[in-house]
Amino acid sequence: MELLGSPTSPYVRKCRVVAHETGQADDVKISFLGLTPVSPNETVTQQNPLDKVPVLLRNDGVALFDSRVIVEFLDTQSKTKKLFPETGPARWNALRLQAIGDGIMDAAVFTRFYTGAGPKQYHWPEFLEGQIKKVTQALDVLEMEADELGHEANIGTVAVACALGYLDFRYSETLDWRAGRDSLAGWCAAFCKRSSMRETEHYQP
């Protein structure tokens, strides 16, 4: 299998972490490509009409896209560890956490591109403030629930850790998410010691 992506994307990182955690890192070739929302990559476009990464090229030639689809596919292929609980409260708790983590990524990635690459004359300050408010509100909820996150990897904790890692990567000078959130910061520090997190850290090409 081949994963098309970018080393700066938190969604790509989430897929890579899942590949590591489910014992499939050696089965997934990572191909980093250059692209932005206004400068698509032809290779990506050929596989995903939405012009977005990640894209997973399966061994049968079928392309899967959207990180939530890819991580669930990888989970079904794992012969060892599963990150998606099958039934009951554990499943819904993990999916809820994934939604929170993905939501933080959505707002943070959008704001990063909009303020970093979008023409300033088109900036809408109130809208951008609303995006950051979504991030901080989600962080506050995670702080309240930090003691319940646990130290095991599931799709929810992976998504949250990748979201926090993206904030460190892109917002280290403008958003101190650890301030007033000691429990969440402690959980993140412990979780990010996992080899799957260390081996997939963001970098700027």
N, C-alpha and C. Protein backbone atom coordinates (compact mmCIF):
# COMPACT_ATOMS: atom_id res chain seq x y z
N MET A 1 0.84 -1.19 0.00
CA MET A 1 0.00 0.00 0.00
C MET A 1 0.88 1.24 0.00
N GLU A 2 0.30 2.34 -0.48
CA GLU A 2 1.04 3.60 -0.52
C GLU A 2 0.16 4.72 0.00
N LEU A 3 0.73 5.52 0.90
CA LEU A 3 0.00 6.65 1.47
C LEU A 3 0.57 7.94 0.89
N LEU A 4 -0.28 8.68 0.17
CA LEU A 4 0.11 9.97 -0.38
C LEU A 4 -0.22 11.04 0.65
N GLY A 5 0.73 11.93 0.91
CA GLY A 5 0.46 12.92 1.94
C GLY A 5 1.49 14.01 2.02
N SER A 6 1.50 14.67 3.16
CA SER A 6 2.42 15.77 3.45
C SER A 6 2.89 15.62 4.89
N PRO A 7 4.16 15.92 5.16
CA PRO A 7 4.65 15.82 6.54
C PRO A 7 4.09 16.90 7.46
N THR A 8 3.38 17.87 6.89
CA THR A 8 2.80 18.93 7.71
C THR A 8 1.32 18.67 8.05
N SER A 9 0.73 17.64 7.48
CA SER A 9 -0.70 17.39 7.66
C SER A 9 -0.99 16.55 8.90
N PRO A 10 -1.84 17.02 9.80
CA PRO A 10 -2.20 16.20 10.96
C PRO A 10 -3.05 15.00 10.58
N TYR A 11 -3.79 15.11 9.48
CA TYR A 11 -4.61 13.98 9.03
C TYR A 11 -3.73 12.85 8.51
N VAL A 12 -2.68 13.22 7.80
CA VAL A 12 -1.72 12.23 7.32
C VAL A 12 -1.01 11.58 8.50
N ARG A 13 -0.64 12.41 9.47
CA ARG A 13 0.03 11.86 10.64
C ARG A 13 -0.87 10.86 11.36
N LYS A 14 -2.14 11.17 11.47
CA LYS A 14 -3.07 10.25 12.13
C LYS A 14 -3.06 8.89 11.43
N CYS A 15 -3.06 8.89 10.11
CA CYS A 15 -3.02 7.63 9.36
C CYS A 15 -1.70 6.89 9.60
N ARG A 16 -0.62 7.63 9.65
CA ARG A 16 0.68 7.01 9.87
C ARG A 16 0.77 6.41 11.28
N VAL A 17 0.25 7.12 12.26
CA VAL A 17 0.25 6.60 13.63
C VAL A 17 -0.56 5.31 13.70
N VAL A 18 -1.71 5.30 13.06
CA VAL A 18 -2.54 4.09 13.06
C VAL A 18 -1.81 2.93 12.38
N ALA A 19 -1.11 3.21 11.29
CA ALA A 19 -0.34 2.16 10.63
C ALA A 19 0.71 1.58 11.58
N HIS A 20 1.38 2.44 12.33
CA HIS A 20 2.37 1.98 13.30
C HIS A 20 1.71 1.17 14.41
N GLU A 21 0.64 1.71 14.96
CA GLU A 21 0.01 1.06 16.11
C GLU A 21 -0.60 -0.29 15.76
N THR A 22 -1.01 -0.46 14.52
CA THR A 22 -1.64 -1.72 14.11
C THR A 22 -0.64 -2.67 13.44
N GLY A 23 0.64 -2.34 13.53
CA GLY A 23 1.67 -3.23 13.02
C GLY A 23 1.79 -3.27 11.51
N GLN A 24 1.39 -2.18 10.84
CA GLN A 24 1.42 -2.17 9.38
C GLN A 24 2.35 -1.10 8.80
N ALA A 25 3.19 -0.52 9.63
CA ALA A 25 4.06 0.56 9.14
C ALA A 25 4.94 0.09 7.98
N ASP A 26 5.42 -1.13 8.05
CA ASP A 26 6.29 -1.63 6.98
C ASP A 26 5.51 -1.98 5.72
N ASP A 27 4.19 -2.06 5.83
CA ASP A 27 3.35 -2.41 4.68
C ASP A 27 2.84 -1.19 3.94
N VAL A 28 3.09 0.00 4.48
CA VAL A 28 2.58 1.23 3.89
C VAL A 28 3.74 2.13 3.48
N LYS A 29 3.93 2.29 2.19
CA LYS A 29 4.94 3.21 1.68
C LYS A 29 4.43 4.64 1.82
N ILE A 30 5.26 5.53 2.34
CA ILE A 30 4.87 6.93 2.53
C ILE A 30 5.46 7.76 1.40
N SER A 31 4.60 8.47 0.68
CA SER A 31 5.05 9.36 -0.40
C SER A 31 4.58 10.77 -0.09
N PHE A 32 5.53 11.64 0.24
CA PHE A 32 5.20 13.02 0.54
C PHE A 32 5.22 13.84 -0.74
N LEU A 33 4.16 14.61 -0.95
CA LEU A 33 3.99 15.41 -2.15
C LEU A 33 3.71 16.85 -1.77
N GLY A 34 4.08 17.77 -2.64
CA GLY A 34 3.82 19.18 -2.39
C GLY A 34 2.47 19.59 -2.96
N LEU A 35 1.64 20.20 -2.14
CA LEU A 35 0.35 20.71 -2.61
C LEU A 35 -0.23 21.66 -1.57
N THR A 36 -1.11 22.54 -2.03
CA THR A 36 -1.89 23.42 -1.16
C THR A 36 -3.31 23.45 -1.72
N PRO A 37 -4.26 24.03 -0.98
CA PRO A 37 -5.63 24.10 -1.51
C PRO A 37 -5.75 24.85 -2.83
N VAL A 38 -4.79 25.73 -3.13
CA VAL A 38 -4.86 26.47 -4.40
C VAL A 38 -3.80 26.00 -5.39
N SER A 39 -2.96 25.05 -4.98
CA SER A 39 -1.95 24.49 -5.88
C SER A 39 -1.99 22.97 -5.76
N PRO A 40 -2.97 22.35 -6.40
CA PRO A 40 -3.13 20.90 -6.27
C PRO A 40 -1.97 20.14 -6.91
N ASN A 41 -1.85 18.89 -6.51
CA ASN A 41 -0.82 18.01 -7.04
C ASN A 41 -1.48 17.03 -8.01
N GLU A 42 -0.93 16.90 -9.20
CA GLU A 42 -1.56 16.07 -10.23
C GLU A 42 -1.71 14.62 -9.80
N THR A 43 -0.70 14.12 -9.10
CA THR A 43 -0.76 12.73 -8.63
C THR A 43 -1.94 12.53 -7.68
N VAL A 44 -2.13 13.50 -6.79
CA VAL A 44 -3.24 13.42 -5.85
C VAL A 44 -4.57 13.56 -6.58
N THR A 45 -4.64 14.51 -7.51
CA THR A 45 -5.88 14.74 -8.26
C THR A 45 -6.33 13.50 -9.01
N GLN A 46 -5.37 12.76 -9.55
CA GLN A 46 -5.71 11.54 -10.29
C GLN A 46 -6.36 10.49 -9.40
N GLN A 47 -6.05 10.54 -8.11
CA GLN A 47 -6.57 9.53 -7.19
C GLN A 47 -7.73 10.03 -6.33
N ASN A 48 -7.79 11.34 -6.12
CA ASN A 48 -8.81 11.92 -5.26
C ASN A 48 -9.36 13.18 -5.92
N PRO A 49 -10.59 13.16 -6.39
CA PRO A 49 -11.15 14.34 -7.08
C PRO A 49 -11.30 15.55 -6.17
N LEU A 50 -11.15 15.34 -4.85
CA LEU A 50 -11.24 16.46 -3.91
C LEU A 50 -9.91 17.17 -3.73
N ASP A 51 -8.85 16.66 -4.38
CA ASP A 51 -7.52 17.31 -4.33
C ASP A 51 -6.98 17.43 -2.90
N LYS A 52 -7.20 16.40 -2.09
CA LYS A 52 -6.74 16.48 -0.70
C LYS A 52 -5.98 15.22 -0.32
N VAL A 53 -5.09 15.38 0.64
CA VAL A 53 -4.43 14.23 1.26
C VAL A 53 -4.95 14.12 2.70
N PRO A 54 -4.88 12.90 3.24
CA PRO A 54 -4.21 11.70 2.76
C PRO A 54 -5.03 10.93 1.73
N VAL A 55 -4.29 10.18 0.91
CA VAL A 55 -4.88 9.21 -0.01
C VAL A 55 -4.14 7.90 0.19
N LEU A 56 -4.87 6.83 0.38
CA LEU A 56 -4.26 5.51 0.52
C LEU A 56 -4.54 4.71 -0.74
N LEU A 57 -3.46 4.30 -1.41
CA LEU A 57 -3.59 3.44 -2.59
C LEU A 57 -3.49 2.00 -2.12
N ARG A 58 -4.60 1.30 -2.20
CA ARG A 58 -4.62 -0.09 -1.77
C ARG A 58 -3.87 -0.98 -2.76
N ASN A 59 -3.56 -2.18 -2.33
CA ASN A 59 -2.84 -3.11 -3.20
C ASN A 59 -3.64 -3.52 -4.42
N ASP A 60 -4.98 -3.40 -4.33
CA ASP A 60 -5.81 -3.75 -5.48
C ASP A 60 -6.03 -2.58 -6.43
N GLY A 61 -5.35 -1.45 -6.15
CA GLY A 61 -5.44 -0.29 -7.02
C GLY A 61 -6.51 0.71 -6.65
N VAL A 62 -7.35 0.38 -5.70
CA VAL A 62 -8.42 1.29 -5.27
C VAL A 62 -7.83 2.37 -4.37
N ALA A 63 -8.24 3.62 -4.58
CA ALA A 63 -7.78 4.73 -3.76
C ALA A 63 -8.83 5.07 -2.70
N LEU A 64 -8.38 5.16 -1.46
CA LEU A 64 -9.25 5.60 -0.37
C LEU A 64 -8.79 6.98 0.07
N PHE A 65 -9.73 7.85 0.40
CA PHE A 65 -9.35 9.17 0.90
C PHE A 65 -10.27 9.60 2.03
N ASP A 66 -9.80 10.60 2.76
CA ASP A 66 -10.33 11.08 4.04
C ASP A 66 -9.72 10.20 5.13
N SER A 67 -9.09 10.86 6.08
CA SER A 67 -8.36 10.11 7.12
C SER A 67 -9.27 9.16 7.89
N ARG A 68 -10.53 9.54 8.10
CA ARG A 68 -11.41 8.66 8.87
C ARG A 68 -11.70 7.36 8.13
N VAL A 69 -11.77 7.43 6.81
CA VAL A 69 -11.96 6.22 6.02
C VAL A 69 -10.69 5.37 6.04
N ILE A 70 -9.56 6.03 5.86
CA ILE A 70 -8.28 5.31 5.78
C ILE A 70 -7.96 4.61 7.09
N VAL A 71 -8.13 5.31 8.22
CA VAL A 71 -7.76 4.67 9.49
C VAL A 71 -8.67 3.49 9.81
N GLU A 72 -9.93 3.58 9.43
CA GLU A 72 -10.81 2.44 9.69
C GLU A 72 -10.46 1.27 8.79
N PHE A 73 -10.08 1.56 7.54
CA PHE A 73 -9.64 0.48 6.65
C PHE A 73 -8.40 -0.20 7.22
N LEU A 74 -7.41 0.60 7.64
CA LEU A 74 -6.19 0.02 8.20
C LEU A 74 -6.51 -0.84 9.42
N ASP A 75 -7.46 -0.38 10.22
CA ASP A 75 -7.83 -1.14 11.41
C ASP A 75 -8.41 -2.50 11.02
N THR A 76 -9.21 -2.53 9.97
CA THR A 76 -9.80 -3.81 9.55
C THR A 76 -8.75 -4.76 9.00
N GLN A 77 -7.64 -4.21 8.50
CA GLN A 77 -6.59 -5.05 7.93
C GLN A 77 -5.63 -5.60 8.97
N SER A 78 -5.67 -5.04 10.17
CA SER A 78 -4.71 -5.44 11.20
C SER A 78 -5.01 -6.85 11.70
N LYS A 79 -3.97 -7.64 11.79
CA LYS A 79 -4.10 -8.99 12.32
C LYS A 79 -3.69 -9.06 13.78
N THR A 80 -3.30 -7.91 14.32
CA THR A 80 -2.85 -7.88 15.72
C THR A 80 -3.71 -6.92 16.53
N LYS A 81 -3.30 -5.67 16.61
CA LYS A 81 -3.97 -4.70 17.46
C LYS A 81 -5.08 -3.96 16.71
N LYS A 82 -6.20 -3.74 17.39
CA LYS A 82 -7.31 -2.98 16.84
C LYS A 82 -7.46 -1.68 17.62
N LEU A 83 -7.68 -0.58 16.90
CA LEU A 83 -7.85 0.73 17.54
C LEU A 83 -9.31 1.16 17.62
N PHE A 84 -10.18 0.47 16.90
CA PHE A 84 -11.61 0.76 16.94
C PHE A 84 -12.31 -0.29 17.80
N PRO A 85 -12.75 0.08 19.00
CA PRO A 85 -13.53 -0.89 19.78
C PRO A 85 -14.75 -1.33 18.98
N GLU A 86 -15.12 -2.59 19.10
CA GLU A 86 -16.17 -3.13 18.24
C GLU A 86 -17.57 -2.68 18.65
N THR A 87 -17.86 -2.70 19.94
CA THR A 87 -19.23 -2.40 20.38
C THR A 87 -19.22 -1.68 21.71
N GLY A 88 -20.41 -1.24 22.11
CA GLY A 88 -20.61 -0.71 23.45
C GLY A 88 -20.07 0.68 23.67
N PRO A 89 -20.09 1.13 24.92
CA PRO A 89 -19.65 2.48 25.27
C PRO A 89 -18.22 2.79 24.83
N ALA A 90 -17.34 1.79 24.88
CA ALA A 90 -15.94 2.04 24.50
C ALA A 90 -15.84 2.51 23.05
N ARG A 91 -16.66 1.93 22.17
CA ARG A 91 -16.63 2.33 20.77
C ARG A 91 -17.09 3.77 20.61
N TRP A 92 -18.21 4.11 21.23
CA TRP A 92 -18.75 5.46 21.05
C TRP A 92 -17.87 6.51 21.73
N ASN A 93 -17.24 6.15 22.84
CA ASN A 93 -16.31 7.08 23.48
C ASN A 93 -15.12 7.36 22.57
N ALA A 94 -14.60 6.30 21.93
CA ALA A 94 -13.45 6.47 21.04
C ALA A 94 -13.83 7.31 19.81
N LEU A 95 -15.00 7.05 19.24
CA LEU A 95 -15.43 7.81 18.07
C LEU A 95 -15.71 9.27 18.43
N ARG A 96 -16.25 9.49 19.62
CA ARG A 96 -16.49 10.86 20.08
C ARG A 96 -15.17 11.61 20.20
N LEU A 97 -14.16 10.95 20.79
CA LEU A 97 -12.85 11.58 20.92
C LEU A 97 -12.24 11.87 19.55
N GLN A 98 -12.43 10.93 18.61
CA GLN A 98 -11.92 11.17 17.27
C GLN A 98 -12.57 12.41 16.67
N ALA A 99 -13.86 12.59 16.89
CA ALA A 99 -14.56 13.76 16.37
C ALA A 99 -13.99 15.05 16.97
N ILE A 100 -13.68 15.01 18.27
CA ILE A 100 -13.09 16.20 18.90
C ILE A 100 -11.71 16.48 18.32
N GLY A 101 -10.88 15.43 18.22
CA GLY A 101 -9.55 15.62 17.66
C GLY A 101 -9.58 16.12 16.23
N ASP A 102 -10.43 15.51 15.41
CA ASP A 102 -10.54 15.93 14.02
C ASP A 102 -11.09 17.35 13.92
N GLY A 103 -12.00 17.70 14.82
CA GLY A 103 -12.56 19.05 14.80
C GLY A 103 -11.51 20.11 15.12
N ILE A 104 -10.63 19.80 16.07
CA ILE A 104 -9.53 20.71 16.37
C ILE A 104 -8.63 20.87 15.14
N MET A 105 -8.33 19.75 14.50
CA MET A 105 -7.51 19.81 13.28
C MET A 105 -8.19 20.67 12.21
N ASP A 106 -9.47 20.45 12.00
CA ASP A 106 -10.19 21.19 10.95
C ASP A 106 -10.08 22.69 11.17
N ALA A 107 -10.37 23.14 12.38
CA ALA A 107 -10.35 24.57 12.66
C ALA A 107 -8.93 25.13 12.60
N ALA A 108 -7.96 24.36 13.11
CA ALA A 108 -6.58 24.84 13.14
C ALA A 108 -5.97 24.88 11.74
N VAL A 109 -6.22 23.85 10.94
CA VAL A 109 -5.68 23.83 9.58
C VAL A 109 -6.29 24.94 8.75
N PHE A 110 -7.60 25.12 8.87
CA PHE A 110 -8.26 26.17 8.10
C PHE A 110 -7.70 27.54 8.48
N THR A 111 -7.58 27.79 9.77
CA THR A 111 -7.08 29.09 10.22
C THR A 111 -5.64 29.31 9.77
N ARG A 112 -4.84 28.27 9.85
CA ARG A 112 -3.44 28.37 9.43
C ARG A 112 -3.34 28.76 7.96
N PHE A 113 -4.10 28.09 7.11
CA PHE A 113 -4.03 28.41 5.69
C PHE A 113 -4.62 29.79 5.41
N TYR A 114 -5.75 30.07 6.03
CA TYR A 114 -6.45 31.32 5.75
C TYR A 114 -5.62 32.53 6.14
N THR A 115 -4.93 32.45 7.27
CA THR A 115 -4.13 33.59 7.72
C THR A 115 -2.73 33.59 7.12
N GLY A 116 -2.22 32.40 6.78
CA GLY A 116 -0.85 32.33 6.27
C GLY A 116 -0.74 32.48 4.78
N ALA A 117 -1.79 32.06 4.05
CA ALA A 117 -1.70 32.07 2.59
C ALA A 117 -2.79 32.90 1.92
N GLY A 118 -3.93 33.05 2.59
CA GLY A 118 -5.02 33.79 1.98
C GLY A 118 -4.75 35.28 1.95
N PRO A 119 -5.23 35.99 0.92
CA PRO A 119 -5.04 37.44 0.83
C PRO A 119 -5.63 38.14 2.05
N LYS A 120 -4.84 39.04 2.65
CA LYS A 120 -5.28 39.68 3.89
C LYS A 120 -6.53 40.52 3.71
N GLN A 121 -6.74 41.05 2.50
CA GLN A 121 -7.92 41.89 2.30
C GLN A 121 -9.21 41.09 2.40
N TYR A 122 -9.10 39.75 2.33
CA TYR A 122 -10.28 38.92 2.43
C TYR A 122 -10.45 38.28 3.81
N HIS A 123 -9.58 38.63 4.73
CA HIS A 123 -9.70 38.07 6.07
C HIS A 123 -10.96 38.58 6.76
N TRP A 124 -11.59 37.71 7.48
CA TRP A 124 -12.79 38.04 8.25
C TRP A 124 -12.45 37.76 9.71
N PRO A 125 -12.01 38.77 10.46
CA PRO A 125 -11.50 38.54 11.82
C PRO A 125 -12.46 37.78 12.72
N GLU A 126 -13.74 38.12 12.67
CA GLU A 126 -14.69 37.45 13.56
C GLU A 126 -14.81 35.96 13.23
N PHE A 127 -14.72 35.64 11.96
CA PHE A 127 -14.79 34.23 11.57
C PHE A 127 -13.56 33.48 12.05
N LEU A 128 -12.39 34.09 11.90
CA LEU A 128 -11.16 33.44 12.35
C LEU A 128 -11.16 33.28 13.87
N GLU A 129 -11.67 34.28 14.57
CA GLU A 129 -11.77 34.18 16.02
C GLU A 129 -12.69 33.02 16.41
N GLY A 130 -13.74 32.83 15.62
CA GLY A 130 -14.66 31.73 15.88
C GLY A 130 -14.00 30.38 15.71
N GLN A 131 -13.08 30.27 14.74
CA GLN A 131 -12.37 29.00 14.54
C GLN A 131 -11.47 28.70 15.74
N ILE A 132 -10.74 29.70 16.20
CA ILE A 132 -9.86 29.49 17.35
C ILE A 132 -10.69 29.21 18.61
N LYS A 133 -11.87 29.82 18.70
CA LYS A 133 -12.73 29.55 19.85
C LYS A 133 -13.15 28.08 19.87
N LYS A 134 -13.40 27.51 18.70
CA LYS A 134 -13.72 26.08 18.64
C LYS A 134 -12.58 25.25 19.20
N VAL A 135 -11.36 25.63 18.84
CA VAL A 135 -10.19 24.91 19.32
C VAL A 135 -10.09 24.99 20.83
N THR A 136 -10.19 26.19 21.38
CA THR A 136 -10.01 26.35 22.82
C THR A 136 -11.15 25.70 23.61
N GLN A 137 -12.36 25.76 23.08
CA GLN A 137 -13.48 25.09 23.76
C GLN A 137 -13.26 23.58 23.80
N ALA A 138 -12.79 23.03 22.69
CA ALA A 138 -12.52 21.59 22.65
C ALA A 138 -11.39 21.23 23.61
N LEU A 139 -10.37 22.07 23.67
CA LEU A 139 -9.27 21.83 24.60
C LEU A 139 -9.76 21.85 26.05
N ASP A 140 -10.67 22.75 26.35
CA ASP A 140 -11.20 22.82 27.72
C ASP A 140 -11.97 21.55 28.09
N VAL A 141 -12.71 21.02 27.14
CA VAL A 141 -13.43 19.76 27.39
C VAL A 141 -12.43 18.63 27.61
N LEU A 142 -11.39 18.58 26.79
CA LEU A 142 -10.38 17.53 26.94
C LEU A 142 -9.65 17.65 28.28
N GLU A 143 -9.44 18.88 28.73
CA GLU A 143 -8.81 19.07 30.04
C GLU A 143 -9.69 18.48 31.14
N MET A 144 -10.98 18.72 31.06
CA MET A 144 -11.89 18.19 32.07
C MET A 144 -11.94 16.67 32.05
N GLU A 145 -11.70 16.08 30.88
CA GLU A 145 -11.81 14.64 30.72
C GLU A 145 -10.45 13.94 30.65
N ALA A 146 -9.38 14.70 30.90
CA ALA A 146 -8.03 14.16 30.70
C ALA A 146 -7.77 12.90 31.53
N ASP A 147 -8.28 12.87 32.74
CA ASP A 147 -8.04 11.71 33.60
C ASP A 147 -8.72 10.45 33.08
N GLU A 148 -9.68 10.62 32.17
CA GLU A 148 -10.40 9.47 31.62
C GLU A 148 -9.83 9.00 30.28
N LEU A 149 -8.85 9.74 29.75
CA LEU A 149 -8.31 9.38 28.44
C LEU A 149 -7.53 8.08 28.47
N GLY A 150 -6.85 7.84 29.58
CA GLY A 150 -6.06 6.61 29.69
C GLY A 150 -4.79 6.68 28.86
N HIS A 151 -4.03 5.61 28.91
CA HIS A 151 -2.74 5.59 28.22
C HIS A 151 -2.70 4.61 27.06
N GLU A 152 -3.82 3.95 26.80
CA GLU A 152 -3.87 3.02 25.68
C GLU A 152 -4.23 3.77 24.39
N ALA A 153 -3.70 3.28 23.29
CA ALA A 153 -4.01 3.89 22.00
C ALA A 153 -5.32 3.33 21.46
N ASN A 154 -6.24 4.22 21.13
CA ASN A 154 -7.40 3.86 20.33
C ASN A 154 -7.60 5.00 19.34
N ILE A 155 -8.58 4.89 18.48
CA ILE A 155 -8.69 5.90 17.43
C ILE A 155 -8.98 7.29 18.01
N GLY A 156 -9.60 7.33 19.18
CA GLY A 156 -9.88 8.62 19.80
C GLY A 156 -8.64 9.27 20.37
N THR A 157 -7.86 8.51 21.14
CA THR A 157 -6.65 9.09 21.74
C THR A 157 -5.62 9.43 20.67
N VAL A 158 -5.55 8.64 19.61
CA VAL A 158 -4.63 8.95 18.51
C VAL A 158 -5.02 10.28 17.85
N ALA A 159 -6.31 10.47 17.58
CA ALA A 159 -6.76 11.71 16.95
C ALA A 159 -6.48 12.92 17.83
N VAL A 160 -6.74 12.79 19.12
CA VAL A 160 -6.48 13.90 20.04
C VAL A 160 -4.99 14.22 20.09
N ALA A 161 -4.16 13.20 20.20
CA ALA A 161 -2.71 13.43 20.27
C ALA A 161 -2.19 14.09 18.99
N CYS A 162 -2.72 13.67 17.85
CA CYS A 162 -2.28 14.28 16.59
C CYS A 162 -2.75 15.73 16.48
N ALA A 163 -3.93 16.01 16.99
CA ALA A 163 -4.42 17.39 16.99
C ALA A 163 -3.53 18.28 17.86
N LEU A 164 -3.18 17.79 19.05
CA LEU A 164 -2.32 18.57 19.94
C LEU A 164 -0.93 18.74 19.33
N GLY A 165 -0.45 17.70 18.66
CA GLY A 165 0.85 17.79 18.00
C GLY A 165 0.85 18.84 16.91
N TYR A 166 -0.27 18.96 16.20
CA TYR A 166 -0.36 19.98 15.15
C TYR A 166 -0.35 21.38 15.76
N LEU A 167 -1.01 21.55 16.89
CA LEU A 167 -0.98 22.86 17.56
C LEU A 167 0.44 23.22 17.96
N ASP A 168 1.20 22.24 18.43
CA ASP A 168 2.61 22.50 18.76
C ASP A 168 3.40 22.88 17.52
N PHE A 169 3.11 22.23 16.42
CA PHE A 169 3.85 22.44 15.17
C PHE A 169 3.56 23.80 14.55
N ARG A 170 2.30 24.18 14.51
CA ARG A 170 1.91 25.40 13.79
C ARG A 170 1.56 26.59 14.67
N TYR A 171 1.27 26.36 15.94
CA TYR A 171 0.77 27.45 16.78
C TYR A 171 1.61 27.65 18.04
N SER A 172 2.83 27.18 18.04
CA SER A 172 3.65 27.24 19.25
C SER A 172 3.88 28.67 19.74
N GLU A 173 3.86 29.63 18.83
CA GLU A 173 4.13 31.02 19.22
C GLU A 173 2.86 31.85 19.42
N THR A 174 1.72 31.31 19.05
CA THR A 174 0.49 32.10 19.12
C THR A 174 -0.60 31.49 19.99
N LEU A 175 -0.48 30.21 20.32
CA LEU A 175 -1.52 29.57 21.13
C LEU A 175 -0.86 28.61 22.12
N ASP A 176 -0.80 29.03 23.36
CA ASP A 176 -0.23 28.19 24.41
C ASP A 176 -1.34 27.30 24.97
N TRP A 177 -1.59 26.19 24.29
CA TRP A 177 -2.73 25.36 24.67
C TRP A 177 -2.53 24.69 26.02
N ARG A 178 -1.29 24.59 26.50
CA ARG A 178 -1.02 23.96 27.80
C ARG A 178 -1.38 24.86 28.98
N ALA A 179 -1.44 26.16 28.75
CA ALA A 179 -1.71 27.10 29.85
C ALA A 179 -3.07 26.81 30.47
N GLY A 180 -3.08 26.51 31.76
CA GLY A 180 -4.33 26.22 32.46
C GLY A 180 -4.88 24.84 32.18
N ARG A 181 -4.11 24.01 31.48
CA ARG A 181 -4.59 22.66 31.14
C ARG A 181 -3.51 21.65 31.51
N ASP A 182 -3.14 21.63 32.76
CA ASP A 182 -2.04 20.78 33.22
C ASP A 182 -2.32 19.29 33.02
N SER A 183 -3.56 18.89 33.24
CA SER A 183 -3.88 17.46 33.11
C SER A 183 -3.75 17.00 31.67
N LEU A 184 -4.27 17.80 30.75
CA LEU A 184 -4.18 17.45 29.33
C LEU A 184 -2.73 17.48 28.87
N ALA A 185 -1.98 18.47 29.34
CA ALA A 185 -0.56 18.56 28.96
C ALA A 185 0.21 17.34 29.45
N GLY A 186 -0.09 16.90 30.66
CA GLY A 186 0.58 15.71 31.19
C GLY A 186 0.23 14.47 30.41
N TRP A 187 -1.05 14.34 30.07
CA TRP A 187 -1.47 13.18 29.27
C TRP A 187 -0.76 13.18 27.92
N CYS A 188 -0.71 14.34 27.28
CA CYS A 188 -0.09 14.43 25.96
C CYS A 188 1.40 14.08 26.02
N ALA A 189 2.08 14.57 27.05
CA ALA A 189 3.51 14.29 27.18
C ALA A 189 3.76 12.80 27.29
N ALA A 190 2.91 12.12 28.06
CA ALA A 190 3.08 10.67 28.23
C ALA A 190 2.73 9.92 26.94
N PHE A 191 1.62 10.30 26.31
CA PHE A 191 1.17 9.59 25.11
C PHE A 191 2.17 9.77 23.97
N CYS A 192 2.75 10.94 23.87
CA CYS A 192 3.65 11.24 22.76
C CYS A 192 5.01 10.57 22.90
N LYS A 193 5.22 9.83 23.98
CA LYS A 193 6.43 9.02 24.10
C LYS A 193 6.32 7.72 23.33
N ARG A 194 5.11 7.40 22.86
CA ARG A 194 4.93 6.18 22.08
C ARG A 194 5.77 6.26 20.80
N SER A 195 6.31 5.15 20.38
CA SER A 195 7.14 5.14 19.18
C SER A 195 6.36 5.59 17.96
N SER A 196 5.06 5.28 17.92
CA SER A 196 4.24 5.68 16.77
C SER A 196 4.16 7.19 16.65
N MET A 197 4.19 7.90 17.77
CA MET A 197 4.15 9.36 17.74
C MET A 197 5.53 9.94 17.45
N ARG A 198 6.55 9.35 18.04
CA ARG A 198 7.91 9.86 17.83
C ARG A 198 8.34 9.71 16.37
N GLU A 199 7.93 8.62 15.74
CA GLU A 199 8.40 8.34 14.38
C GLU A 199 7.57 9.03 13.30
N THR A 200 6.56 9.79 13.70
CA THR A 200 5.70 10.45 12.71
C THR A 200 5.62 11.96 12.95
N GLU A 201 6.58 12.52 13.65
CA GLU A 201 6.51 13.94 13.98
C GLU A 201 6.49 14.81 12.72
N HIS A 202 5.80 15.94 12.85
CA HIS A 202 5.72 16.89 11.74
C HIS A 202 7.10 17.50 11.45
N TYR A 203 7.30 17.87 10.21
CA TYR A 203 8.45 18.70 9.86
C TYR A 203 8.11 19.50 8.61
N GLN A 204 8.79 20.62 8.46
CA GLN A 204 8.57 21.49 7.31
C GLN A 204 9.58 21.13 6.22
N PRO A 205 9.13 20.67 5.06
CA PRO A 205 10.07 20.29 4.00
C PRO A 205 10.94 21.46 3.55
